[in-house]
Amino acid sequence: MSSIEGLRGTPSGMPAELPSPPVIAESADPFTDLRVVDLVARLPRGRAIDLSAIVDRLNATYLDWLFEARVVADALLQLQANWFADYRNQTGIVLDDGPSGVTLTIEDSTRVDPWIARQAQRLAGSCREALDAFSRRDRRTGDG
């Protein structure tokens, strides 16, 4: 098999960008969870925010993704479980089922931001590992 050397320049009229296919967010996917955590890091603290508003913001921010409420709720529940494992209390990340639906309240304290940043760094590492694993796969069979 020969290698390709000396590629030509892009011909005039070619698209400036190659569109990305749409992505349907999935539960327990680090790429999905990282996007949810990135938004959670910027949400206001100390007040209840409707899950539907979080889902709407994610879908508006990532136009090539589709976030469903159940997938976002799964990511938030995992975040809540991680908080509980680290701090042994449930006051940091609170999910409530109220009359208008599920709400998220994030504790308004100085310990939240560094903790969320660590969660995001961990997820970013998981994304890199998934990309590395993908790049090592045999393209014909899908095996590693």
C-alpha atoms as a PDB file:
ATOM      1  CA  MET A   1       0.000   0.000   0.000  1.00  0.00           C
ATOM      2  CA  SER A   2       1.441   3.379  -0.941  1.00  0.00           C
ATOM      3  CA  SER A   3       1.284   6.505   1.188  1.00  0.00           C
ATOM      4  CA  ILE A   4      -0.232   9.772   0.107  1.00  0.00           C
ATOM      5  CA  GLU A   5       2.239  12.612  -0.159  1.00  0.00           C
ATOM      6  CA  GLY A   6       1.980  16.107  -1.565  1.00  0.00           C
ATOM      7  CA  LEU A   7      -1.736  16.760  -1.250  1.00  0.00           C
ATOM      8  CA  ARG A   8      -3.088  19.494  -3.462  1.00  0.00           C
ATOM      9  CA  GLY A   9      -4.724  22.618  -2.099  1.00  0.00           C
ATOM     10  CA  THR A  10      -8.461  22.708  -1.678  1.00  0.00           C
ATOM     11  CA  PRO A  11     -10.227  23.477  -4.958  1.00  0.00           C
ATOM     12  CA  SER A  12     -12.250  26.653  -5.176  1.00  0.00           C
ATOM     13  CA  GLY A  13     -15.892  26.191  -4.246  1.00  0.00           C
ATOM     14  CA  MET A  14     -15.358  23.437  -1.658  1.00  0.00           C
ATOM     15  CA  PRO A  15     -17.322  23.861   1.604  1.00  0.00           C
ATOM     16  CA  ALA A  16     -15.409  25.772   4.284  1.00  0.00           C
ATOM     17  CA  GLU A  17     -16.560  23.354   6.987  1.00  0.00           C
ATOM     18  CA  LEU A  18     -17.427  19.689   7.009  1.00  0.00           C
ATOM     19  CA  PRO A  19     -20.749  19.327   8.840  1.00  0.00           C
ATOM     20  CA  SER A  20     -20.826  16.990  11.822  1.00  0.00           C
ATOM     21  CA  PRO A  21     -23.558  14.398  12.096  1.00  0.00           C
ATOM     22  CA  PRO A  22     -26.142  14.952  14.826  1.00  0.00           C
ATOM     23  CA  VAL A  23     -25.473  13.278  18.149  1.00  0.00           C
ATOM     24  CA  ILE A  24     -28.183  11.841  20.340  1.00  0.00           C
ATOM     25  CA  ALA A  25     -27.060  12.217  23.943  1.00  0.00           C
ATOM     26  CA  GLU A  26     -26.931   8.918  25.829  1.00  0.00           C
ATOM     27  CA  SER A  27     -26.956   8.093  29.520  1.00  0.00           C
ATOM     28  CA  ALA A  28     -23.607   7.186  31.095  1.00  0.00           C
ATOM     29  CA  ASP A  29     -21.720   8.608  28.107  1.00  0.00           C
ATOM     30  CA  PRO A  30     -18.799  10.809  29.186  1.00  0.00           C
ATOM     31  CA  PHE A  31     -19.266  13.159  26.218  1.00  0.00           C
ATOM     32  CA  THR A  32     -22.892  13.751  27.242  1.00  0.00           C
ATOM     33  CA  ASP A  33     -22.095  14.001  30.942  1.00  0.00           C
ATOM     34  CA  LEU A  34     -19.285  16.496  30.327  1.00  0.00           C
ATOM     35  CA  ARG A  35     -21.658  18.817  28.476  1.00  0.00           C
ATOM     36  CA  VAL A  36     -24.202  18.571  31.306  1.00  0.00           C
ATOM     37  CA  VAL A  37     -21.542  19.213  33.975  1.00  0.00           C
ATOM     38  CA  ASP A  38     -20.181  22.154  31.967  1.00  0.00           C
ATOM     39  CA  LEU A  39     -23.619  23.770  32.096  1.00  0.00           C
ATOM     40  CA  VAL A  40     -24.153  22.873  35.764  1.00  0.00           C
ATOM     41  CA  ALA A  41     -20.867  24.629  36.581  1.00  0.00           C
ATOM     42  CA  ARG A  42     -22.357  27.876  35.275  1.00  0.00           C
ATOM     43  CA  LEU A  43     -25.876  27.617  36.716  1.00  0.00           C
ATOM     44  CA  PRO A  44     -26.970  30.005  39.484  1.00  0.00           C
ATOM     45  CA  ARG A  45     -26.462  28.678  43.004  1.00  0.00           C
ATOM     46  CA  GLY A  46     -28.945  28.379  45.832  1.00  0.00           C
ATOM     47  CA  ARG A  47     -32.163  28.335  43.823  1.00  0.00           C
ATOM     48  CA  ALA A  48     -34.257  25.666  42.140  1.00  0.00           C
ATOM     49  CA  ILE A  49     -33.941  25.421  38.354  1.00  0.00           C
ATOM     50  CA  ASP A  50     -36.394  23.371  36.301  1.00  0.00           C
ATOM     51  CA  LEU A  51     -34.931  20.316  34.606  1.00  0.00           C
ATOM     52  CA  SER A  52     -36.806  21.338  31.455  1.00  0.00           C
ATOM     53  CA  ALA A  53     -34.932  24.671  31.421  1.00  0.00           C
ATOM     54  CA  ILE A  54     -31.616  22.822  31.707  1.00  0.00           C
ATOM     55  CA  VAL A  55     -32.584  20.506  28.840  1.00  0.00           C
ATOM     56  CA  ASP A  56     -33.678  23.476  26.718  1.00  0.00           C
ATOM     57  CA  ARG A  57     -30.392  25.301  27.365  1.00  0.00           C
ATOM     58  CA  LEU A  58     -28.322  22.227  26.437  1.00  0.00           C
ATOM     59  CA  ASN A  59     -30.264  21.790  23.189  1.00  0.00           C
ATOM     60  CA  ALA A  60     -29.856  25.499  22.382  1.00  0.00           C
ATOM     61  CA  THR A  61     -26.132  25.466  23.190  1.00  0.00           C
ATOM     62  CA  TYR A  62     -25.252  22.265  21.317  1.00  0.00           C
ATOM     63  CA  LEU A  63     -27.276  22.514  18.121  1.00  0.00           C
ATOM     64  CA  ASP A  64     -25.830  19.275  16.732  1.00  0.00           C
ATOM     65  CA  TRP A  65     -26.873  17.314  19.838  1.00  0.00           C
ATOM     66  CA  LEU A  66     -30.269  16.158  21.091  1.00  0.00           C
ATOM     67  CA  PHE A  67     -30.638  16.029  24.873  1.00  0.00           C
ATOM     68  CA  GLU A  68     -33.695  14.305  26.327  1.00  0.00           C
ATOM     69  CA  ALA A  69     -34.879  15.024  29.870  1.00  0.00           C
ATOM     70  CA  ARG A  70     -34.261  11.436  31.025  1.00  0.00           C
ATOM     71  CA  VAL A  71     -30.636  11.534  29.844  1.00  0.00           C
ATOM     72  CA  VAL A  72     -29.976  14.876  31.541  1.00  0.00           C
ATOM     73  CA  ALA A  73     -31.661  13.597  34.711  1.00  0.00           C
ATOM     74  CA  ASP A  74     -29.399  10.533  34.645  1.00  0.00           C
ATOM     75  CA  ALA A  75     -26.314  12.767  34.415  1.00  0.00           C
ATOM     76  CA  LEU A  76     -27.572  14.923  37.277  1.00  0.00           C
ATOM     77  CA  LEU A  77     -28.347  11.867  39.413  1.00  0.00           C
ATOM     78  CA  GLN A  78     -24.793  10.622  38.849  1.00  0.00           C
ATOM     79  CA  LEU A  79     -23.476  14.039  39.819  1.00  0.00           C
ATOM     80  CA  GLN A  80     -25.612  13.932  42.970  1.00  0.00           C
ATOM     81  CA  ALA A  81     -24.300  10.433  43.796  1.00  0.00           C
ATOM     82  CA  ASN A  82     -20.711  11.632  43.309  1.00  0.00           C
ATOM     83  CA  TRP A  83     -21.364  14.550  45.660  1.00  0.00           C
ATOM     84  CA  PHE A  84     -22.784  12.213  48.267  1.00  0.00           C
ATOM     85  CA  ALA A  85     -19.779   9.893  47.947  1.00  0.00           C
ATOM     86  CA  ASP A  86     -17.366  12.801  48.414  1.00  0.00           C
ATOM     87  CA  TYR A  87     -19.154  14.821  51.110  1.00  0.00           C
ATOM     88  CA  ARG A  88     -21.544  12.317  52.754  1.00  0.00           C
ATOM     89  CA  ASN A  89     -24.459  14.757  52.539  1.00  0.00           C
ATOM     90  CA  GLN A  90     -27.092  15.543  49.966  1.00  0.00           C
ATOM     91  CA  THR A  91     -27.165  19.325  50.272  1.00  0.00           C
ATOM     92  CA  GLY A  92     -24.727  20.078  47.438  1.00  0.00           C
ATOM     93  CA  ILE A  93     -26.666  18.746  44.461  1.00  0.00           C
ATOM     94  CA  VAL A  94     -30.385  18.470  45.204  1.00  0.00           C
ATOM     95  CA  LEU A  95     -32.926  17.035  42.777  1.00  0.00           C
ATOM     96  CA  ASP A  96     -36.549  17.537  43.826  1.00  0.00           C
ATOM     97  CA  ASP A  97     -39.737  16.392  42.187  1.00  0.00           C
ATOM     98  CA  GLY A  98     -42.142  19.297  42.628  1.00  0.00           C
ATOM     99  CA  PRO A  99     -45.541  20.223  41.221  1.00  0.00           C
ATOM    100  CA  SER A 100     -44.000  21.660  38.039  1.00  0.00           C
ATOM    101  CA  GLY A 101     -41.578  18.749  37.573  1.00  0.00           C
ATOM    102  CA  VAL A 102     -38.007  17.977  38.546  1.00  0.00           C
ATOM    103  CA  THR A 103     -35.801  20.820  39.765  1.00  0.00           C
ATOM    104  CA  LEU A 104     -32.080  21.084  40.485  1.00  0.00           C
ATOM    105  CA  THR A 105     -30.662  23.190  43.307  1.00  0.00           C
ATOM    106  CA  ILE A 106     -26.911  23.607  43.689  1.00  0.00           C
ATOM    107  CA  GLU A 107     -25.483  24.562  47.063  1.00  0.00           C
ATOM    108  CA  ASP A 108     -24.223  28.139  47.234  1.00  0.00           C
ATOM    109  CA  SER A 109     -20.828  27.543  48.855  1.00  0.00           C
ATOM    110  CA  THR A 110     -17.163  27.849  47.987  1.00  0.00           C
ATOM    111  CA  ARG A 111     -16.672  24.085  47.874  1.00  0.00           C
ATOM    112  CA  VAL A 112     -18.963  23.596  44.851  1.00  0.00           C
ATOM    113  CA  ASP A 113     -16.874  25.175  42.074  1.00  0.00           C
ATOM    114  CA  PRO A 114     -13.634  23.226  42.712  1.00  0.00           C
ATOM    115  CA  TRP A 115     -15.640  20.029  43.113  1.00  0.00           C
ATOM    116  CA  ILE A 116     -17.509  20.538  39.828  1.00  0.00           C
ATOM    117  CA  ALA A 117     -14.223  21.378  38.088  1.00  0.00           C
ATOM    118  CA  ARG A 118     -12.800  18.043  39.299  1.00  0.00           C
ATOM    119  CA  GLN A 119     -15.883  16.241  37.995  1.00  0.00           C
ATOM    120  CA  ALA A 120     -15.433  17.925  34.604  1.00  0.00           C
ATOM    121  CA  GLN A 121     -11.721  17.046  34.500  1.00  0.00           C
ATOM    122  CA  ARG A 122     -12.521  13.406  35.287  1.00  0.00           C
ATOM    123  CA  LEU A 123     -15.127  13.303  32.527  1.00  0.00           C
ATOM    124  CA  ALA A 124     -12.778  14.992  30.053  1.00  0.00           C
ATOM    125  CA  GLY A 125     -10.242  12.264  30.845  1.00  0.00           C
ATOM    126  CA  SER A 126     -12.889   9.613  30.177  1.00  0.00           C
ATOM    127  CA  CYS A 127     -13.647  11.277  26.835  1.00  0.00           C
ATOM    128  CA  ARG A 128      -9.956  11.217  25.891  1.00  0.00           C
ATOM    129  CA  GLU A 129      -9.738   7.537  26.857  1.00  0.00           C
ATOM    130  CA  ALA A 130     -12.768   6.741  24.685  1.00  0.00           C
ATOM    131  CA  LEU A 131     -11.229   8.615  21.744  1.00  0.00           C
ATOM    132  CA  ASP A 132      -7.897   6.848  22.256  1.00  0.00           C
ATOM    133  CA  ALA A 133      -9.645   3.459  22.335  1.00  0.00           C
ATOM    134  CA  PHE A 134     -11.534   4.347  19.164  1.00  0.00           C
ATOM    135  CA  SER A 135      -8.344   5.348  17.364  1.00  0.00           C
ATOM    136  CA  ARG A 136      -6.712   1.994  18.194  1.00  0.00           C
ATOM    137  CA  ARG A 137      -9.554  -0.127  16.838  1.00  0.00           C
ATOM    138  CA  ASP A 138      -9.148  -2.240  13.751  1.00  0.00           C
ATOM    139  CA  ARG A 139     -11.241  -0.373  11.211  1.00  0.00           C
ATOM    140  CA  ARG A 140     -12.492  -3.469   9.394  1.00  0.00           C
ATOM    141  CA  THR A 141     -13.713  -5.555  12.295  1.00  0.00           C
ATOM    142  CA  GLY A 142     -14.188  -2.972  15.035  1.00  0.00           C
ATOM    143  CA  ASP A 143     -11.988  -5.049  17.348  1.00  0.00           C
ATOM    144  CA  GLY A 144      -9.124  -3.550  19.338  1.00  0.00           C
END
